[in-house]
Amino acid sequence: MSTLYLIRHGEITARSEQHRFIGQLDLPLSEHGRQQMRGFACHPTLQTVEKVLTSPLIRCRESAAILTAHLGCSAAEVVPDLAEINLGEWEGLTVAEVKDRFPGEYAARGNDLAGFRPVGGESFADVLRRSWPVFERAAGCGVDRVALVSHAGVNRVLLCRILGMPLNNLFRLQQDYACCNIIHCDGARYRLECLNLRPECCSSHTG
């Protein structure tokens, strides 16, 4: 049996009052995001992690570097298929801008979260197709405890698959910055121990 830790990167620099579609825009962590990851790296649950895989985007590579430095394990392996969903021409736009530039598409996405692709982008079903083999390889790689540092979108599609949930329900799964989901893997059987464990919850464990 192996244990996988699905970790979302820390807070990024582009936070604003208006929600924007970030997707694969390559944004770094904010200082608060770095603090989140440093705090989370001290959590007792993570101290036995032996291997770290990471998305190639800088917010994940920064997060993974903080983790590996604290855990004393080898540098994270960069895995392109752990990158966040590619939102094509929507990336960097607000919801209002998407509605204005691409009439009807925002509503179409809401009606088919699994299958809708923005112009030049991916669907969540596409993300699952490329990320699930990574999860399976990590579960069967012979290392008992592996952390995957990725994104909210990637984590959600993997969790939907693990829980047997329809992809159209993926936004029912909360994934905060620097959260962790713990999954025990026994062959093709998976058991979710923890969902959306956050850095601020760690103080009760670390004193």
Protein backbone atom coordinates (compact mmCIF):
# COMPACT_ATOMS: atom_id res chain seq x y z
CA MET A 1 0.00 0.00 0.00
CA SER A 2 1.20 3.53 -0.79
CA THR A 3 0.05 6.97 0.32
CA LEU A 4 -0.26 9.91 -2.06
CA TYR A 5 -0.52 13.54 -1.01
CA LEU A 6 -2.25 15.80 -3.53
CA ILE A 7 -1.04 19.29 -2.64
CA ARG A 8 -2.17 22.58 -4.14
CA HIS A 9 0.46 25.30 -4.49
CA GLY A 10 0.48 28.30 -2.14
CA GLU A 11 -1.17 31.64 -2.78
CA ILE A 12 -0.10 33.39 -6.00
CA THR A 13 0.71 37.03 -6.72
CA ALA A 14 -2.26 37.75 -9.00
CA ARG A 15 -5.02 37.74 -6.36
CA SER A 16 -7.59 40.50 -6.87
CA GLU A 17 -11.17 41.27 -5.99
CA GLN A 18 -12.22 40.32 -9.52
CA HIS A 19 -11.93 36.61 -10.27
CA ARG A 20 -9.71 35.98 -13.27
CA PHE A 21 -9.13 32.77 -15.18
CA ILE A 22 -5.49 31.91 -14.45
CA GLY A 23 -5.08 28.50 -16.07
CA GLN A 24 -1.50 28.07 -17.25
CA LEU A 25 -0.41 31.69 -16.79
CA ASP A 26 2.97 31.24 -15.12
CA LEU A 27 2.59 33.28 -11.93
CA PRO A 28 4.89 33.00 -8.88
CA LEU A 29 3.90 32.58 -5.25
CA SER A 30 3.18 35.61 -3.13
CA GLU A 31 5.19 36.01 0.06
CA HIS A 32 2.14 34.78 1.95
CA GLY A 33 2.08 31.75 -0.34
CA ARG A 34 5.70 31.00 0.55
CA GLN A 35 4.86 31.31 4.23
CA GLN A 36 1.93 28.94 3.75
CA MET A 37 4.18 26.32 2.19
CA ARG A 38 6.91 26.72 4.82
CA GLY A 39 4.32 26.25 7.56
CA PHE A 40 2.73 23.30 5.85
CA ALA A 41 6.09 21.60 5.25
CA CYS A 42 6.42 21.26 9.04
CA HIS A 43 3.18 19.31 9.40
CA PRO A 44 3.83 15.86 10.94
CA THR A 45 1.76 14.20 8.22
CA LEU A 46 4.27 15.18 5.56
CA GLN A 47 7.49 14.27 7.36
CA THR A 48 7.60 10.76 5.90
CA VAL A 49 7.18 11.88 2.26
CA GLU A 50 9.97 10.28 0.22
CA LYS A 51 9.36 11.61 -3.29
CA VAL A 52 7.84 14.80 -4.72
CA LEU A 53 6.40 15.33 -8.21
CA THR A 54 5.45 18.79 -9.40
CA SER A 55 3.68 20.66 -12.16
CA PRO A 56 6.11 22.64 -14.35
CA LEU A 57 4.44 25.98 -13.53
CA ILE A 58 6.52 28.25 -11.29
CA ARG A 59 3.93 28.45 -8.48
CA CYS A 60 4.15 24.69 -8.07
CA ARG A 61 7.90 24.43 -8.56
CA GLU A 62 8.40 27.08 -5.85
CA SER A 63 6.01 25.23 -3.54
CA ALA A 64 7.72 21.90 -4.21
CA ALA A 65 11.18 23.37 -3.59
CA ILE A 66 10.05 24.63 -0.18
CA LEU A 67 8.68 21.20 0.67
CA THR A 68 11.76 19.26 -0.42
CA ALA A 69 14.06 21.66 1.43
CA HIS A 70 12.17 21.12 4.67
CA LEU A 71 11.70 17.38 4.19
CA GLY A 72 15.27 16.70 3.17
CA CYS A 73 14.30 14.61 0.14
CA SER A 74 15.56 14.85 -3.43
CA ALA A 75 14.58 17.75 -5.68
CA ALA A 76 11.07 17.45 -7.08
CA GLU A 77 10.56 15.73 -10.42
CA VAL A 78 8.84 18.03 -12.91
CA VAL A 79 5.90 16.33 -14.63
CA PRO A 80 4.30 18.34 -17.47
CA ASP A 81 1.00 16.47 -17.23
CA LEU A 82 0.43 17.90 -13.73
CA ALA A 83 0.06 21.43 -15.18
CA GLU A 84 -3.18 23.30 -14.57
CA ILE A 85 -5.96 23.28 -17.16
CA ASN A 86 -5.14 25.30 -20.27
CA LEU A 87 -7.91 27.88 -20.62
CA GLY A 88 -6.77 29.11 -24.02
CA GLU A 89 -8.04 32.57 -24.92
CA TRP A 90 -9.80 32.92 -21.56
CA GLU A 91 -6.59 33.06 -19.57
CA GLY A 92 -6.09 36.32 -17.69
CA LEU A 93 -9.68 37.48 -18.33
CA THR A 94 -12.39 38.21 -15.78
CA VAL A 95 -15.77 36.51 -16.00
CA ALA A 96 -17.26 39.75 -17.33
CA GLU A 97 -14.59 39.97 -20.04
CA VAL A 98 -15.20 36.37 -21.09
CA LYS A 99 -18.94 36.99 -21.34
CA ASP A 100 -18.30 40.10 -23.43
CA ARG A 101 -15.70 38.64 -25.80
CA PHE A 102 -17.14 35.14 -26.16
CA PRO A 103 -20.95 35.45 -26.00
CA GLY A 104 -22.68 32.34 -24.73
CA GLU A 105 -19.50 30.41 -23.96
CA TYR A 106 -19.44 31.01 -20.21
CA ALA A 107 -22.98 29.61 -19.93
CA ALA A 108 -22.02 26.70 -22.20
CA ARG A 109 -19.12 25.87 -19.88
CA GLY A 110 -21.44 25.89 -16.88
CA ASN A 111 -23.69 23.39 -18.64
CA ASP A 112 -20.80 21.03 -19.47
CA LEU A 113 -17.86 21.52 -17.10
CA ALA A 114 -16.40 18.15 -18.03
CA GLY A 115 -16.38 18.57 -21.79
CA PHE A 116 -16.31 22.30 -22.62
CA ARG A 117 -13.11 23.66 -24.16
CA PRO A 118 -12.44 27.41 -24.44
CA VAL A 119 -10.91 28.46 -27.74
CA GLY A 120 -7.37 27.11 -27.78
CA GLY A 121 -7.79 25.39 -24.44
CA GLU A 122 -8.65 22.13 -22.69
CA SER A 123 -11.65 20.60 -21.01
CA PHE A 124 -11.53 19.12 -17.51
CA ALA A 125 -11.99 15.72 -19.15
CA ASP A 126 -8.77 16.43 -21.08
CA VAL A 127 -7.00 17.27 -17.82
CA LEU A 128 -8.16 14.00 -16.26
CA ARG A 129 -6.95 12.00 -19.27
CA ARG A 130 -3.41 13.38 -18.94
CA SER A 131 -3.15 13.56 -15.13
CA TRP A 132 -4.68 10.23 -14.11
CA PRO A 133 -1.81 8.14 -15.58
CA VAL A 134 0.59 10.28 -13.51
CA PHE A 135 -1.41 9.47 -10.36
CA GLU A 136 -1.43 5.76 -11.19
CA ARG A 137 2.32 5.70 -11.84
CA ALA A 138 2.98 7.52 -8.56
CA ALA A 139 0.78 5.05 -6.69
CA GLY A 140 2.65 2.11 -8.17
CA CYS A 141 6.20 3.45 -8.32
CA GLY A 142 7.43 1.43 -5.34
CA VAL A 143 7.81 4.47 -3.06
CA ASP A 144 5.52 4.35 -0.05
CA ARG A 145 4.77 8.07 0.28
CA VAL A 146 4.68 10.43 -2.70
CA ALA A 147 3.57 14.06 -2.85
CA LEU A 148 2.12 15.57 -6.05
CA VAL A 149 2.29 19.37 -6.05
CA SER A 150 -0.25 20.63 -8.52
CA HIS A 151 -3.31 22.84 -8.97
CA ALA A 152 -6.93 23.11 -7.89
CA GLY A 153 -8.22 21.95 -11.27
CA VAL A 154 -5.92 18.93 -11.44
CA ASN A 155 -6.61 17.95 -7.83
CA ARG A 156 -10.36 18.21 -8.36
CA VAL A 157 -10.46 15.98 -11.44
CA LEU A 158 -8.28 13.36 -9.72
CA LEU A 159 -10.46 13.45 -6.61
CA CYS A 160 -13.59 13.06 -8.73
CA ARG A 161 -12.10 9.92 -10.28
CA ILE A 162 -11.05 8.54 -6.89
CA LEU A 163 -14.46 9.22 -5.33
CA GLY A 164 -16.50 8.09 -8.34
CA MET A 165 -18.01 11.58 -8.73
CA PRO A 166 -19.13 13.02 -12.09
CA LEU A 167 -16.64 15.60 -13.36
CA ASN A 168 -19.47 18.10 -13.69
CA ASN A 169 -19.52 18.19 -9.86
CA LEU A 170 -15.83 19.03 -9.49
CA PHE A 171 -16.42 22.48 -8.00
CA ARG A 172 -18.17 20.87 -5.03
CA LEU A 173 -14.68 19.90 -3.85
CA GLN A 174 -12.99 22.81 -2.05
CA GLN A 175 -9.27 23.19 -2.78
CA ASP A 176 -7.69 26.09 -0.92
CA TYR A 177 -4.20 27.42 -1.48
CA ALA A 178 -1.56 25.10 0.05
CA CYS A 179 -4.11 22.42 0.91
CA CYS A 180 -3.40 18.70 1.03
CA ASN A 181 -5.52 15.66 0.21
CA ILE A 182 -4.34 12.28 1.51
CA ILE A 183 -5.15 9.12 -0.44
CA HIS A 184 -4.20 5.56 0.47
CA CYS A 185 -3.67 3.32 -2.55
CA ASP A 186 -3.88 -0.47 -2.53
CA GLY A 187 -3.63 -1.63 -6.12
CA ALA A 188 -6.60 -0.11 -7.94
CA ARG A 189 -8.43 0.61 -4.67
CA TYR A 190 -8.25 4.10 -3.20
CA ARG A 191 -9.30 5.48 0.16
CA LEU A 192 -9.49 9.21 0.84
CA GLU A 193 -8.29 9.95 4.37
CA CYS A 194 -8.26 13.75 4.26
CA LEU A 195 -9.70 16.43 1.97
CA ASN A 196 -8.48 20.04 1.79
CA LEU A 197 -6.22 19.97 4.86
CA ARG A 198 -4.99 23.57 5.16
CA PRO A 199 -1.85 25.16 6.68
CA GLU A 200 -3.86 27.00 9.34
CA CYS A 201 -5.12 23.66 10.59
CA CYS A 202 -1.57 22.55 11.29
CA SER A 203 -1.12 24.54 14.51
CA SER A 204 -3.36 22.14 16.38
CA HIS A 205 -1.00 19.33 15.36
CA THR A 206 2.37 21.05 15.69
CA GLY A 207 1.86 23.08 18.88
